[in-house]
PDB file of N, CA and C in Angstrom:
ATOM      1  N   MET A   1      -9.959  -6.167 -25.091  1.00  0.00           N
ATOM      2  CA  MET A   1      -8.838  -6.726 -24.358  1.00  0.00           C
ATOM      3  C   MET A   1      -9.024  -6.445 -22.867  1.00  0.00           C
ATOM      4  N   GLN A   2      -8.875  -7.472 -22.057  1.00  0.00           N
ATOM      5  CA  GLN A   2      -9.034  -7.299 -20.621  1.00  0.00           C
ATOM      6  C   GLN A   2      -7.730  -6.803 -20.018  1.00  0.00           C
ATOM      7  N   HIS A   3      -7.860  -6.072 -18.944  1.00  0.00           N
ATOM      8  CA  HIS A   3      -6.673  -5.616 -18.224  1.00  0.00           C
ATOM      9  C   HIS A   3      -6.766  -6.066 -16.768  1.00  0.00           C
ATOM     10  N   ILE A   4      -5.634  -6.093 -16.106  1.00  0.00           N
ATOM     11  CA  ILE A   4      -5.563  -6.533 -14.713  1.00  0.00           C
ATOM     12  C   ILE A   4      -6.053  -5.409 -13.820  1.00  0.00           C
ATOM     13  N   THR A   5      -6.992  -5.724 -12.967  1.00  0.00           N
ATOM     14  CA  THR A   5      -7.466  -4.726 -12.005  1.00  0.00           C
ATOM     15  C   THR A   5      -6.804  -4.987 -10.667  1.00  0.00           C
ATOM     16  N   GLY A   6      -6.491  -3.927  -9.970  1.00  0.00           N
ATOM     17  CA  GLY A   6      -5.835  -4.061  -8.676  1.00  0.00           C
ATOM     18  C   GLY A   6      -6.219  -2.912  -7.776  1.00  0.00           C
ATOM     19  N   ILE A   7      -5.307  -2.530  -6.938  1.00  0.00           N
ATOM     20  CA  ILE A   7      -5.538  -1.431  -6.005  1.00  0.00           C
ATOM     21  C   ILE A   7      -5.498  -0.121  -6.775  1.00  0.00           C
ATOM     22  N   SER A   8      -6.433   0.732  -6.483  1.00  0.00           N
ATOM     23  CA  SER A   8      -6.473   2.034  -7.131  1.00  0.00           C
ATOM     24  C   SER A   8      -5.209   2.817  -6.811  1.00  0.00           C
ATOM     25  N   ARG A   9      -4.595   3.364  -7.827  1.00  0.00           N
ATOM     26  CA  ARG A   9      -3.372   4.147  -7.619  1.00  0.00           C
ATOM     27  C   ARG A   9      -3.663   5.506  -7.006  1.00  0.00           C
ATOM     28  N   GLN A  10      -4.906   5.863  -6.927  1.00  0.00           N
ATOM     29  CA  GLN A  10      -5.295   7.146  -6.350  1.00  0.00           C
ATOM     30  C   GLN A  10      -5.374   7.079  -4.823  1.00  0.00           C
ATOM     31  N   GLN A  11      -5.291   5.881  -4.258  1.00  0.00           N
ATOM     32  CA  GLN A  11      -5.382   5.716  -2.814  1.00  0.00           C
ATOM     33  C   GLN A  11      -3.999   5.462  -2.238  1.00  0.00           C
ATOM     34  N   LEU A  12      -3.662   6.186  -1.229  1.00  0.00           N
ATOM     35  CA  LEU A  12      -2.369   6.027  -0.571  1.00  0.00           C
ATOM     36  C   LEU A  12      -2.484   4.964   0.517  1.00  0.00           C
ATOM     37  N   GLN A  13      -1.603   3.985   0.466  1.00  0.00           N
ATOM     38  CA  GLN A  13      -1.593   2.938   1.487  1.00  0.00           C
ATOM     39  C   GLN A  13      -0.316   3.075   2.295  1.00  0.00           C
ATOM     40  N   ILE A  14      -0.466   3.373   3.556  1.00  0.00           N
ATOM     41  CA  ILE A  14       0.683   3.549   4.435  1.00  0.00           C
ATOM     42  C   ILE A  14       0.813   2.329   5.325  1.00  0.00           C
ATOM     43  N   SER A  15       1.999   1.750   5.327  1.00  0.00           N
ATOM     44  CA  SER A  15       2.257   0.633   6.217  1.00  0.00           C
ATOM     45  C   SER A  15       3.663   0.793   6.772  1.00  0.00           C
ATOM     46  N   SER A  16       3.905   0.168   7.885  1.00  0.00           N
ATOM     47  CA  SER A  16       5.224   0.260   8.500  1.00  0.00           C
ATOM     48  C   SER A  16       5.828  -1.136   8.595  1.00  0.00           C
ATOM     49  N   LEU A  17       7.115  -1.166   8.837  1.00  0.00           N
ATOM     50  CA  LEU A  17       7.787  -2.443   9.017  1.00  0.00           C
ATOM     51  C   LEU A  17       7.228  -3.164  10.242  1.00  0.00           C
ATOM     52  N   GLU A  18       6.863  -2.394  11.246  1.00  0.00           N
ATOM     53  CA  GLU A  18       6.272  -2.964  12.464  1.00  0.00           C
ATOM     54  C   GLU A  18       4.993  -3.740  12.133  1.00  0.00           C
ATOM     55  N   ASP A  19       4.203  -3.250  11.195  1.00  0.00           N
ATOM     56  CA  ASP A  19       2.974  -3.931  10.794  1.00  0.00           C
ATOM     57  C   ASP A  19       3.248  -5.220  10.029  1.00  0.00           C
ATOM     58  N   LYS A  20       4.372  -5.281   9.334  1.00  0.00           N
ATOM     59  CA  LYS A  20       4.690  -6.440   8.492  1.00  0.00           C
ATOM     60  C   LYS A  20       5.278  -7.611   9.282  1.00  0.00           C
ATOM     61  N   ILE A  21       5.868  -7.353  10.457  1.00  0.00           N
ATOM     62  CA  ILE A  21       6.515  -8.405  11.247  1.00  0.00           C
ATOM     63  C   ILE A  21       5.491  -8.997  12.221  1.00  0.00           C
ATOM     64  N   THR A  22       5.328 -10.304  12.159  1.00  0.00           N
ATOM     65  CA  THR A  22       4.352 -10.957  13.026  1.00  0.00           C
ATOM     66  C   THR A  22       4.834 -10.945  14.484  1.00  0.00           C
ATOM     67  N   THR A  23       3.902 -11.133  15.395  1.00  0.00           N
ATOM     68  CA  THR A  23       4.237 -11.076  16.821  1.00  0.00           C
ATOM     69  C   THR A  23       5.097 -12.247  17.274  1.00  0.00           C
ATOM     70  N   ASP A  24       5.053 -13.378  16.560  1.00  0.00           N
ATOM     71  CA  ASP A  24       5.860 -14.537  16.951  1.00  0.00           C
ATOM     72  C   ASP A  24       7.171 -14.642  16.165  1.00  0.00           C
ATOM     73  N   ASN A  25       7.548 -13.617  15.438  1.00  0.00           N
ATOM     74  CA  ASN A  25       8.793 -13.608  14.670  1.00  0.00           C
ATOM     75  C   ASN A  25       9.993 -13.501  15.619  1.00  0.00           C
ATOM     76  N   PRO A  26      11.055 -14.269  15.396  1.00  0.00           N
ATOM     77  CA  PRO A  26      12.238 -14.227  16.280  1.00  0.00           C
ATOM     78  C   PRO A  26      12.917 -12.859  16.352  1.00  0.00           C
ATOM     79  N   ILE A  27      12.705 -12.022  15.378  1.00  0.00           N
ATOM     80  CA  ILE A  27      13.327 -10.697  15.408  1.00  0.00           C
ATOM     81  C   ILE A  27      12.801  -9.859  16.572  1.00  0.00           C
ATOM     82  N   ARG A  28      11.620 -10.163  17.051  1.00  0.00           N
ATOM     83  CA  ARG A  28      11.071  -9.448  18.219  1.00  0.00           C
ATOM     84  C   ARG A  28      11.938  -9.704  19.451  1.00  0.00           C
ATOM     85  N   PHE A  29      12.421 -10.943  19.622  1.00  0.00           N
ATOM     86  CA  PHE A  29      13.299 -11.266  20.745  1.00  0.00           C
ATOM     87  C   PHE A  29      14.615 -10.511  20.617  1.00  0.00           C
ATOM     88  N   ILE A  30      15.173 -10.495  19.407  1.00  0.00           N
ATOM     89  CA  ILE A  30      16.449  -9.811  19.187  1.00  0.00           C
ATOM     90  C   ILE A  30      16.306  -8.321  19.478  1.00  0.00           C
ATOM     91  N   GLU A  31      15.223  -7.727  19.047  1.00  0.00           N
ATOM     92  CA  GLU A  31      14.991  -6.303  19.299  1.00  0.00           C
ATOM     93  C   GLU A  31      14.912  -6.027  20.801  1.00  0.00           C
ATOM     94  N   ALA A  32      14.188  -6.868  21.531  1.00  0.00           N
ATOM     95  CA  ALA A  32      14.054  -6.679  22.980  1.00  0.00           C
ATOM     96  C   ALA A  32      15.398  -6.853  23.675  1.00  0.00           C
ATOM     97  N   PHE A  33      16.199  -7.811  23.251  1.00  0.00           N
ATOM     98  CA  PHE A  33      17.513  -8.045  23.834  1.00  0.00           C
ATOM     99  C   PHE A  33      18.435  -6.854  23.606  1.00  0.00           C
ATOM    100  N   VAL A  34      18.464  -6.353  22.397  1.00  0.00           N
ATOM    101  CA  VAL A  34      19.335  -5.220  22.070  1.00  0.00           C
ATOM    102  C   VAL A  34      18.918  -3.969  22.841  1.00  0.00           C
ATOM    103  N   GLU A  35      17.632  -3.803  23.057  1.00  0.00           N
ATOM    104  CA  GLU A  35      17.149  -2.634  23.784  1.00  0.00           C
ATOM    105  C   GLU A  35      17.591  -2.617  25.247  1.00  0.00           C
ATOM    106  N   ILE A  36      17.752  -3.795  25.883  1.00  0.00           N
ATOM    107  CA  ILE A  36      18.079  -3.806  27.310  1.00  0.00           C
ATOM    108  C   ILE A  36      19.568  -3.920  27.618  1.00  0.00           C
ATOM    109  N   ILE A  37      20.384  -4.366  26.651  1.00  0.00           N
ATOM    110  CA  ILE A  37      21.813  -4.472  26.959  1.00  0.00           C
ATOM    111  C   ILE A  37      22.455  -3.084  26.925  1.00  0.00           C
ATOM    112  N   SER A  38      23.478  -2.925  27.695  1.00  0.00           N
ATOM    113  CA  SER A  38      24.237  -1.679  27.706  1.00  0.00           C
ATOM    114  C   SER A  38      25.376  -1.809  26.700  1.00  0.00           C
ATOM    115  N   LEU A  39      25.318  -1.033  25.649  1.00  0.00           N
ATOM    116  CA  LEU A  39      26.335  -1.131  24.609  1.00  0.00           C
ATOM    117  C   LEU A  39      27.718  -0.745  25.131  1.00  0.00           C
ATOM    118  N   GLU A  40      27.767   0.186  26.084  1.00  0.00           N
ATOM    119  CA  GLU A  40      29.056   0.584  26.648  1.00  0.00           C
ATOM    120  C   GLU A  40      29.706  -0.561  27.415  1.00  0.00           C
ATOM    121  N   SER A  41      28.889  -1.390  28.064  1.00  0.00           N
ATOM    122  CA  SER A  41      29.444  -2.483  28.861  1.00  0.00           C
ATOM    123  C   SER A  41      30.058  -3.598  28.009  1.00  0.00           C
ATOM    124  N   VAL A  42      29.678  -3.667  26.734  1.00  0.00           N
ATOM    125  CA  VAL A  42      30.252  -4.682  25.854  1.00  0.00           C
ATOM    126  C   VAL A  42      31.301  -4.101  24.908  1.00  0.00           C
ATOM    127  N   GLY A  43      31.731  -2.858  25.197  1.00  0.00           N
ATOM    128  CA  GLY A  43      32.857  -2.293  24.464  1.00  0.00           C
ATOM    129  C   GLY A  43      32.544  -1.284  23.381  1.00  0.00           C
ATOM    130  N   PHE A  44      31.277  -0.967  23.153  1.00  0.00           N
ATOM    131  CA  PHE A  44      30.938   0.028  22.148  1.00  0.00           C
ATOM    132  C   PHE A  44      31.042   1.424  22.745  1.00  0.00           C
ATOM    133  N   THR A  45      31.429   2.378  21.939  1.00  0.00           N
ATOM    134  CA  THR A  45      31.437   3.776  22.367  1.00  0.00           C
ATOM    135  C   THR A  45      30.436   4.542  21.518  1.00  0.00           C
ATOM    136  N   ILE A  46      29.681   5.390  22.177  1.00  0.00           N
ATOM    137  CA  ILE A  46      28.677   6.193  21.492  1.00  0.00           C
ATOM    138  C   ILE A  46      29.353   7.448  20.968  1.00  0.00           C
ATOM    139  N   GLN A  47      29.229   7.711  19.679  1.00  0.00           N
ATOM    140  CA  GLN A  47      29.813   8.898  19.071  1.00  0.00           C
ATOM    141  C   GLN A  47      28.722   9.648  18.332  1.00  0.00           C
ATOM    142  N   THR A  48      28.748  10.968  18.471  1.00  0.00           N
ATOM    143  CA  THR A  48      27.815  11.804  17.744  1.00  0.00           C
ATOM    144  C   THR A  48      28.548  12.369  16.538  1.00  0.00           C
ATOM    145  N   ILE A  49      28.059  12.053  15.365  1.00  0.00           N
ATOM    146  CA  ILE A  49      28.697  12.494  14.138  1.00  0.00           C
ATOM    147  C   ILE A  49      27.891  13.651  13.567  1.00  0.00           C
ATOM    148  N   LYS A  50      28.571  14.738  13.265  1.00  0.00           N
ATOM    149  CA  LYS A  50      27.893  15.880  12.677  1.00  0.00           C
ATOM    150  C   LYS A  50      27.524  15.553  11.237  1.00  0.00           C
ATOM    151  N   SER A  51      26.323  15.897  10.867  1.00  0.00           N
ATOM    152  CA  SER A  51      25.869  15.599   9.513  1.00  0.00           C
ATOM    153  C   SER A  51      26.016  16.795   8.586  1.00  0.00           C
ATOM    154  N   GLU A  52      26.565  17.882   9.090  1.00  0.00           N
ATOM    155  CA  GLU A  52      26.705  19.064   8.250  1.00  0.00           C
ATOM    156  C   GLU A  52      28.133  19.579   8.310  1.00  0.00           C
ATOM    157  N   GLY A  53      28.514  20.323   7.325  1.00  0.00           N
ATOM    158  CA  GLY A  53      29.858  20.880   7.304  1.00  0.00           C
ATOM    159  C   GLY A  53      30.873  19.918   6.735  1.00  0.00           C
ATOM    160  N   ARG A  54      32.111  20.351   6.724  1.00  0.00           N
ATOM    161  CA  ARG A  54      33.204  19.536   6.190  1.00  0.00           C
ATOM    162  C   ARG A  54      33.815  18.687   7.293  1.00  0.00           C
ATOM    163  N   PRO A  55      34.451  17.572   6.937  1.00  0.00           N
ATOM    164  CA  PRO A  55      35.135  16.751   7.937  1.00  0.00           C
ATOM    165  C   PRO A  55      36.304  17.517   8.547  1.00  0.00           C
ATOM    166  N   SER A  56      36.664  17.165   9.743  1.00  0.00           N
ATOM    167  CA  SER A  56      37.777  17.838  10.409  1.00  0.00           C
ATOM    168  C   SER A  56      39.091  17.489   9.715  1.00  0.00           C
ATOM    169  N   PRO A  57      40.114  18.339   9.846  1.00  0.00           N
ATOM    170  CA  PRO A  57      41.413  18.057   9.229  1.00  0.00           C
ATOM    171  C   PRO A  57      42.030  16.746   9.712  1.00  0.00           C
ATOM    172  N   ALA A  58      41.700  16.309  10.929  1.00  0.00           N
ATOM    173  CA  ALA A  58      42.230  15.045  11.437  1.00  0.00           C
ATOM    174  C   ALA A  58      41.769  13.877  10.545  1.00  0.00           C
ATOM    175  N   CYS A  59      40.568  13.938  10.036  1.00  0.00           N
ATOM    176  CA  CYS A  59      40.061  12.898   9.144  1.00  0.00           C
ATOM    177  C   CYS A  59      40.803  12.930   7.820  1.00  0.00           C
ATOM    178  N   TRP A  60      41.145  14.111   7.352  1.00  0.00           N
ATOM    179  CA  TRP A  60      41.883  14.222   6.094  1.00  0.00           C
ATOM    180  C   TRP A  60      43.253  13.581   6.212  1.00  0.00           C
ATOM    181  N   GLN A  61      43.923  13.819   7.338  1.00  0.00           N
ATOM    182  CA  GLN A  61      45.270  13.295   7.520  1.00  0.00           C
ATOM    183  C   GLN A  61      45.245  11.779   7.680  1.00  0.00           C
ATOM    184  N   ALA A  62      44.214  11.272   8.296  1.00  0.00           N
ATOM    185  CA  ALA A  62      44.136   9.833   8.527  1.00  0.00           C
ATOM    186  C   ALA A  62      43.724   9.091   7.259  1.00  0.00           C
ATOM    187  N   GLY A  63      43.245   9.824   6.266  1.00  0.00           N
ATOM    188  CA  GLY A  63      42.837   9.192   5.013  1.00  0.00           C
ATOM    189  C   GLY A  63      41.526   8.448   5.123  1.00  0.00           C
ATOM    190  N   THR A  64      40.631   8.914   5.989  1.00  0.00           N
ATOM    191  CA  THR A  64      39.368   8.215   6.189  1.00  0.00           C
ATOM    192  C   THR A  64      38.233   8.823   5.381  1.00  0.00           C
ATOM    193  N   ILE A  65      38.539   9.702   4.483  1.00  0.00           N
ATOM    194  CA  ILE A  65      37.473  10.346   3.717  1.00  0.00           C
ATOM    195  C   ILE A  65      37.054   9.437   2.592  1.00  0.00           C
TER     196      ILE A  65
END
């Protein structure tokens, strides 16, 4: 019985999303546009969220948990 041969599972193949997107893909324009605009000027606020510990009591009272 024949079996399907393919890439050896013993070899690690590392690729990134950057490698998968072609240079003429429209997402490249969107990425460049987002990088140069000031998010604060269009109404966004930058917040640093702690990734450790429990939420503050203010979050509990607001029911945002």
